[in-house]
Amino acid sequence: MPPRLKRLFGVVLLLVFVFFYIWVMTDVGAVVISRAEGPWRMLYFALAGIAWIVPAGAIIWWMYRPRRTGP
């Protein structure tokens, strides 16, 4: 895959992932917030706010990984 096309695909994939992640975490958060007490709410938001970094980092790493050539 050409590098420019790979990066374009990666950006679209990253945007779709972030949108979907926010949607799911918001719905889950609505349930968690309604049932949890203060410290558990803060823990949920801290984990939900950090957890997206690993998959997003993997997508970015894939986008900028050099293309292999040769055997």
C-alpha atoms as a PDB file:
ATOM      1  CA  MET A   1       0.000   0.000   0.000  1.00  0.00           C
ATOM      2  CA  PRO A   2       1.476   3.411  -0.916  1.00  0.00           C
ATOM      3  CA  PRO A   3       2.428   5.508   2.137  1.00  0.00           C
ATOM      4  CA  ARG A   4       0.009   8.343   1.353  1.00  0.00           C
ATOM      5  CA  LEU A   5      -2.914   5.952   0.956  1.00  0.00           C
ATOM      6  CA  LYS A   6      -1.900   4.093   4.098  1.00  0.00           C
ATOM      7  CA  ARG A   7      -1.866   7.329   6.096  1.00  0.00           C
ATOM      8  CA  LEU A   8      -5.219   8.429   4.686  1.00  0.00           C
ATOM      9  CA  PHE A   9      -6.735   5.069   5.616  1.00  0.00           C
ATOM     10  CA  GLY A  10      -5.137   5.324   9.057  1.00  0.00           C
ATOM     11  CA  VAL A  11      -6.575   8.783   9.699  1.00  0.00           C
ATOM     12  CA  VAL A  12     -10.062   7.643   8.695  1.00  0.00           C
ATOM     13  CA  LEU A  13      -9.698   4.525  10.859  1.00  0.00           C
ATOM     14  CA  LEU A  14      -8.499   6.624  13.783  1.00  0.00           C
ATOM     15  CA  LEU A  15     -11.427   9.029  13.497  1.00  0.00           C
ATOM     16  CA  VAL A  16     -13.940   6.175  13.297  1.00  0.00           C
ATOM     17  CA  PHE A  17     -12.320   4.462  16.285  1.00  0.00           C
ATOM     18  CA  VAL A  18     -12.342   7.623  18.435  1.00  0.00           C
ATOM     19  CA  PHE A  19     -15.969   8.381  17.547  1.00  0.00           C
ATOM     20  CA  PHE A  20     -17.047   4.808  18.349  1.00  0.00           C
ATOM     21  CA  TYR A  21     -14.968   4.753  21.561  1.00  0.00           C
ATOM     22  CA  ILE A  22     -16.497   7.997  22.806  1.00  0.00           C
ATOM     23  CA  TRP A  23     -19.990   6.737  21.992  1.00  0.00           C
ATOM     24  CA  VAL A  24     -19.515   3.444  23.859  1.00  0.00           C
ATOM     25  CA  MET A  25     -17.738   4.990  26.871  1.00  0.00           C
ATOM     26  CA  THR A  26     -20.454   7.642  27.175  1.00  0.00           C
ATOM     27  CA  ASP A  27     -23.186   5.006  27.259  1.00  0.00           C
ATOM     28  CA  VAL A  28     -21.267   2.846  29.718  1.00  0.00           C
ATOM     29  CA  GLY A  29     -20.447   5.936  31.768  1.00  0.00           C
ATOM     30  CA  ALA A  30     -24.120   6.849  32.061  1.00  0.00           C
ATOM     31  CA  VAL A  31     -24.781   3.480  33.681  1.00  0.00           C
ATOM     32  CA  VAL A  32     -21.676   3.642  35.887  1.00  0.00           C
ATOM     33  CA  ILE A  33     -22.371   7.189  37.057  1.00  0.00           C
ATOM     34  CA  SER A  34     -25.936   6.409  38.023  1.00  0.00           C
ATOM     35  CA  ARG A  35     -24.874   3.533  40.277  1.00  0.00           C
ATOM     36  CA  ALA A  36     -21.389   4.441  41.530  1.00  0.00           C
ATOM     37  CA  GLU A  37     -20.138   6.650  44.313  1.00  0.00           C
ATOM     38  CA  GLY A  38     -17.557   9.432  44.009  1.00  0.00           C
ATOM     39  CA  PRO A  39     -14.214   7.580  43.927  1.00  0.00           C
ATOM     40  CA  TRP A  40     -15.521   4.906  41.542  1.00  0.00           C
ATOM     41  CA  ARG A  41     -16.804   7.572  39.171  1.00  0.00           C
ATOM     42  CA  MET A  42     -13.430   9.273  39.146  1.00  0.00           C
ATOM     43  CA  LEU A  43     -11.680   5.955  38.549  1.00  0.00           C
ATOM     44  CA  TYR A  44     -13.993   5.176  35.625  1.00  0.00           C
ATOM     45  CA  PHE A  45     -13.369   8.522  33.968  1.00  0.00           C
ATOM     46  CA  ALA A  46      -9.617   8.249  34.530  1.00  0.00           C
ATOM     47  CA  LEU A  47      -9.467   4.778  32.953  1.00  0.00           C
ATOM     48  CA  ALA A  48     -11.836   5.662  30.112  1.00  0.00           C
ATOM     49  CA  GLY A  49      -9.821   8.793  29.408  1.00  0.00           C
ATOM     50  CA  ILE A  50      -6.538   6.898  29.174  1.00  0.00           C
ATOM     51  CA  ALA A  51      -7.594   3.563  27.630  1.00  0.00           C
ATOM     52  CA  TRP A  52      -8.046   4.927  24.084  1.00  0.00           C
ATOM     53  CA  ILE A  53      -4.335   5.769  23.853  1.00  0.00           C
ATOM     54  CA  VAL A  54      -3.154   2.170  23.325  1.00  0.00           C
ATOM     55  CA  PRO A  55      -5.311   1.348  20.261  1.00  0.00           C
ATOM     56  CA  ALA A  56      -4.834   4.837  18.820  1.00  0.00           C
ATOM     57  CA  GLY A  57      -1.082   4.480  19.269  1.00  0.00           C
ATOM     58  CA  ALA A  58      -1.164   1.133  17.474  1.00  0.00           C
ATOM     59  CA  ILE A  59      -2.994   2.711  14.518  1.00  0.00           C
ATOM     60  CA  ILE A  60      -0.513   5.590  14.377  1.00  0.00           C
ATOM     61  CA  TRP A  61       2.416   3.176  14.625  1.00  0.00           C
ATOM     62  CA  TRP A  62       0.995   1.174  11.707  1.00  0.00           C
ATOM     63  CA  MET A  63       0.495   4.344   9.658  1.00  0.00           C
ATOM     64  CA  TYR A  64       4.124   5.441   9.968  1.00  0.00           C
ATOM     65  CA  ARG A  65       5.821   2.037   9.979  1.00  0.00           C
ATOM     66  CA  PRO A  66       8.286   1.838   7.081  1.00  0.00           C
ATOM     67  CA  ARG A  67       7.309  -0.345   4.188  1.00  0.00           C
ATOM     68  CA  ARG A  68       9.222  -3.601   3.907  1.00  0.00           C
ATOM     69  CA  THR A  69      11.060  -4.190   0.676  1.00  0.00           C
ATOM     70  CA  GLY A  70      12.792  -7.292  -0.520  1.00  0.00           C
ATOM     71  CA  PRO A  71      12.721 -10.829   0.839  1.00  0.00           C
END
